[in-house]
C-alpha atoms as a PDB file:
ATOM      1  CA  MET A   1      18.641   7.973  -4.559  1.00  0.00           C
ATOM      2  CA  SER A   2      15.652   7.223  -2.960  1.00  0.00           C
ATOM      3  CA  THR A   3      13.587   4.518  -4.421  1.00  0.00           C
ATOM      4  CA  SER A   4      10.300   2.848  -3.470  1.00  0.00           C
ATOM      5  CA  THR A   5       9.697  -0.928  -3.047  1.00  0.00           C
ATOM      6  CA  GLN A   6       8.554  -2.014  -6.116  1.00  0.00           C
ATOM      7  CA  VAL A   7       6.735  -5.738  -6.643  1.00  0.00           C
ATOM      8  CA  TRP A   8       4.453  -5.352  -9.358  1.00  0.00           C
ATOM      9  CA  SER A   9       6.559  -4.135 -12.507  1.00  0.00           C
ATOM     10  CA  THR A  10       5.087  -2.954 -15.955  1.00  0.00           C
ATOM     11  CA  GLU A  11       6.704  -6.410 -17.241  1.00  0.00           C
ATOM     12  CA  ASP A  12       3.590  -7.755 -14.969  1.00  0.00           C
ATOM     13  CA  GLY A  13       0.729  -6.364 -16.647  1.00  0.00           C
ATOM     14  CA  ALA A  14      -1.497  -3.203 -16.415  1.00  0.00           C
ATOM     15  CA  VAL A  15      -1.763  -2.017 -12.660  1.00  0.00           C
ATOM     16  CA  ASP A  16      -5.326  -0.992 -13.366  1.00  0.00           C
ATOM     17  CA  GLY A  17      -6.609  -3.868 -14.149  1.00  0.00           C
ATOM     18  CA  ARG A  18      -5.517  -6.156 -11.235  1.00  0.00           C
ATOM     19  CA  GLY A  19      -7.359  -6.407  -8.105  1.00  0.00           C
ATOM     20  CA  ILE A  20      -6.261  -6.319  -4.347  1.00  0.00           C
ATOM     21  CA  ASP A  21      -5.836  -9.865  -3.950  1.00  0.00           C
ATOM     22  CA  ASP A  22      -3.443  -9.920  -7.098  1.00  0.00           C
ATOM     23  CA  ALA A  23      -1.398  -7.328  -4.657  1.00  0.00           C
ATOM     24  CA  LEU A  24      -1.443  -9.179  -1.786  1.00  0.00           C
ATOM     25  CA  THR A  25      -0.545 -12.439  -3.778  1.00  0.00           C
ATOM     26  CA  LEU A  26       2.328 -10.472  -4.865  1.00  0.00           C
ATOM     27  CA  LEU A  27       3.294  -8.923  -1.809  1.00  0.00           C
ATOM     28  CA  GLU A  28       3.200 -11.893  -0.131  1.00  0.00           C
ATOM     29  CA  PRO A  29       6.807 -13.689  -0.233  1.00  0.00           C
ATOM     30  CA  TYR A  30       8.192 -10.746   0.577  1.00  0.00           C
ATOM     31  CA  CYS A  31       6.270 -10.519   4.439  1.00  0.00           C
ATOM     32  CA  ASP A  32       8.106 -13.300   6.052  1.00  0.00           C
ATOM     33  CA  THR A  33       9.353 -11.183   8.787  1.00  0.00           C
ATOM     34  CA  SER A  34       8.134  -8.650  11.285  1.00  0.00           C
ATOM     35  CA  LEU A  35       8.660  -5.280  11.299  1.00  0.00           C
ATOM     36  CA  THR A  36      10.644  -5.321  14.567  1.00  0.00           C
ATOM     37  CA  GLU A  37      13.260  -7.809  12.963  1.00  0.00           C
ATOM     38  CA  VAL A  38      16.733  -6.530  11.726  1.00  0.00           C
ATOM     39  CA  GLY A  39      16.649  -6.584   7.877  1.00  0.00           C
ATOM     40  CA  ASP A  40      16.614  -4.869   4.754  1.00  0.00           C
ATOM     41  CA  SER A  41      14.703  -2.077   4.476  1.00  0.00           C
ATOM     42  CA  ALA A  42      13.129  -3.212   1.078  1.00  0.00           C
ATOM     43  CA  ARG A  43      11.775  -6.085   2.844  1.00  0.00           C
ATOM     44  CA  GLN A  44      10.404  -3.809   6.103  1.00  0.00           C
ATOM     45  CA  ASN A  45       8.872  -1.678   3.309  1.00  0.00           C
ATOM     46  CA  ALA A  46       6.976  -4.493   1.322  1.00  0.00           C
ATOM     47  CA  ARG A  47       5.476  -5.637   4.697  1.00  0.00           C
ATOM     48  CA  ARG A  48       4.436  -2.250   5.517  1.00  0.00           C
ATOM     49  CA  ALA A  49       2.628  -2.613   1.825  1.00  0.00           C
ATOM     50  CA  TRP A  50       1.225  -5.973   2.778  1.00  0.00           C
ATOM     51  CA  HIS A  51      -0.314  -4.467   6.038  1.00  0.00           C
ATOM     52  CA  ALA A  52      -1.755  -1.288   3.712  1.00  0.00           C
ATOM     53  CA  ALA A  53      -2.921  -3.728   1.403  1.00  0.00           C
ATOM     54  CA  ILE A  54      -4.911  -5.516   3.770  1.00  0.00           C
ATOM     55  CA  GLY A  55      -6.410  -2.375   5.104  1.00  0.00           C
ATOM     56  CA  VAL A  56      -7.367  -1.640   1.498  1.00  0.00           C
ATOM     57  CA  ARG A  57      -8.913  -5.333   0.668  1.00  0.00           C
ATOM     58  CA  ALA A  58     -11.178  -4.585   4.490  1.00  0.00           C
ATOM     59  CA  TYR A  59     -12.377  -1.693   2.917  1.00  0.00           C
ATOM     60  CA  ALA A  60     -12.968  -3.071  -0.544  1.00  0.00           C
ATOM     61  CA  GLU A  61     -14.804  -6.312   1.142  1.00  0.00           C
ATOM     62  CA  GLU A  62     -17.375  -3.918   3.272  1.00  0.00           C
ATOM     63  CA  THR A  63     -18.152  -1.806   0.181  1.00  0.00           C
ATOM     64  CA  GLY A  64     -18.477  -4.672  -1.932  1.00  0.00           C
ATOM     65  CA  ALA A  65     -15.739  -3.600  -4.469  1.00  0.00           C
ATOM     66  CA  ALA A  66     -13.498  -6.455  -3.711  1.00  0.00           C
ATOM     67  CA  HIS A  67     -13.873  -8.236  -6.542  1.00  0.00           C
ATOM     68  CA  GLN A  68     -15.339  -5.649  -9.093  1.00  0.00           C
ATOM     69  CA  GLU A  69     -12.809  -2.687  -8.912  1.00  0.00           C
ATOM     70  CA  SER A  70      -8.968  -2.376  -9.473  1.00  0.00           C
ATOM     71  CA  ALA A  71      -6.628  -2.089  -6.288  1.00  0.00           C
ATOM     72  CA  ARG A  72      -6.206   1.345  -7.807  1.00  0.00           C
ATOM     73  CA  THR A  73      -9.786   2.269  -7.775  1.00  0.00           C
ATOM     74  CA  CYS A  74     -10.084   0.681  -4.364  1.00  0.00           C
ATOM     75  CA  MET A  75      -7.341   2.589  -2.881  1.00  0.00           C
ATOM     76  CA  SER A  76      -8.740   5.613  -4.617  1.00  0.00           C
ATOM     77  CA  ASP A  77     -12.061   5.101  -2.705  1.00  0.00           C
ATOM     78  CA  LEU A  78     -10.948   4.748   0.354  1.00  0.00           C
ATOM     79  CA  LEU A  79      -8.330   7.664   0.346  1.00  0.00           C
ATOM     80  CA  ASN A  80     -11.376   9.664  -0.520  1.00  0.00           C
ATOM     81  CA  ASP A  81     -13.431   8.255   2.243  1.00  0.00           C
ATOM     82  CA  MET A  82     -10.709   8.749   4.658  1.00  0.00           C
ATOM     83  CA  ARG A  83     -10.802  12.274   3.388  1.00  0.00           C
ATOM     84  CA  HIS A  84     -14.835  12.195   4.503  1.00  0.00           C
ATOM     85  CA  LEU A  85     -13.894  10.807   7.781  1.00  0.00           C
ATOM     86  CA  CYS A  86     -11.374  13.620   8.708  1.00  0.00           C
ATOM     87  CA  ASP A  87     -13.965  15.975   7.591  1.00  0.00           C
ATOM     88  CA  ALA A  88     -16.278  14.734   9.924  1.00  0.00           C
ATOM     89  CA  LEU A  89     -13.986  14.475  12.545  1.00  0.00           C
ATOM     90  CA  ALA A  90     -12.625  17.565  12.103  1.00  0.00           C
ATOM     91  CA  ILE A  91      -9.198  16.511  11.554  1.00  0.00           C
ATOM     92  CA  ASP A  92      -6.874  18.311   9.322  1.00  0.00           C
ATOM     93  CA  TRP A  93      -6.596  16.076   5.931  1.00  0.00           C
ATOM     94  CA  ASP A  94      -3.249  17.558   4.953  1.00  0.00           C
ATOM     95  CA  ASP A  95      -1.424  16.948   8.105  1.00  0.00           C
ATOM     96  CA  VAL A  96      -2.821  13.254   7.650  1.00  0.00           C
ATOM     97  CA  VAL A  97      -1.051  12.874   4.302  1.00  0.00           C
ATOM     98  CA  ARG A  98       2.209  14.574   5.160  1.00  0.00           C
ATOM     99  CA  PRO A  99       4.597  11.844   4.296  1.00  0.00           C
ATOM    100  CA  TYR A 100       6.669  12.734   7.456  1.00  0.00           C
ATOM    101  CA  HIS A 101       8.934   9.507   7.526  1.00  0.00           C
ATOM    102  CA  TYR A 102       8.555   7.733   4.211  1.00  0.00           C
ATOM    103  CA  SER A 103      11.363   9.082   2.725  1.00  0.00           C
ATOM    104  CA  GLU A 104      13.471   7.676   5.038  1.00  0.00           C
ATOM    105  CA  GLU A 105      12.018   4.373   4.769  1.00  0.00           C
ATOM    106  CA  ILE A 106      12.388   3.948   1.077  1.00  0.00           C
ATOM    107  CA  ASP A 107      16.334   5.354   0.688  1.00  0.00           C
ATOM    108  CA  ASP A 108      17.662   2.191   1.350  1.00  0.00           C
ATOM    109  CA  GLY A 109      16.736   0.029  -2.074  1.00  0.00           C
ATOM    110  CA  ASP A 110      14.689  -1.498  -4.081  1.00  0.00           C
ATOM    111  CA  LEU A 111      13.448  -5.556  -3.990  1.00  0.00           C
ATOM    112  CA  ALA A 112      14.316  -5.332  -7.651  1.00  0.00           C
ATOM    113  CA  ASP A 113      18.210  -4.647  -6.821  1.00  0.00           C
END
């Protein structure tokens, strides 16, 4: 059974109302190792999520949304702008968003276990 690394449970409150800085704060304790170190996949996936959150935060800061919008809205806006970038560069969006090895990365467990 595949499970993703979830560090923000529904018990923590509504995701939609939280900002990207909240996401970074929640992920930080799981990011004490580099991706090249041998370790459990849940920590490696949290580290991957941390890297993505840093990118979303940089985008949100650039657009002025970082302190005004939820993490979900910032991610949605970034993905939509990434699609515009693909159009501008003649890159196939469907090829970019194909999950490739995501399933293999999440197969080994959840931080909540």
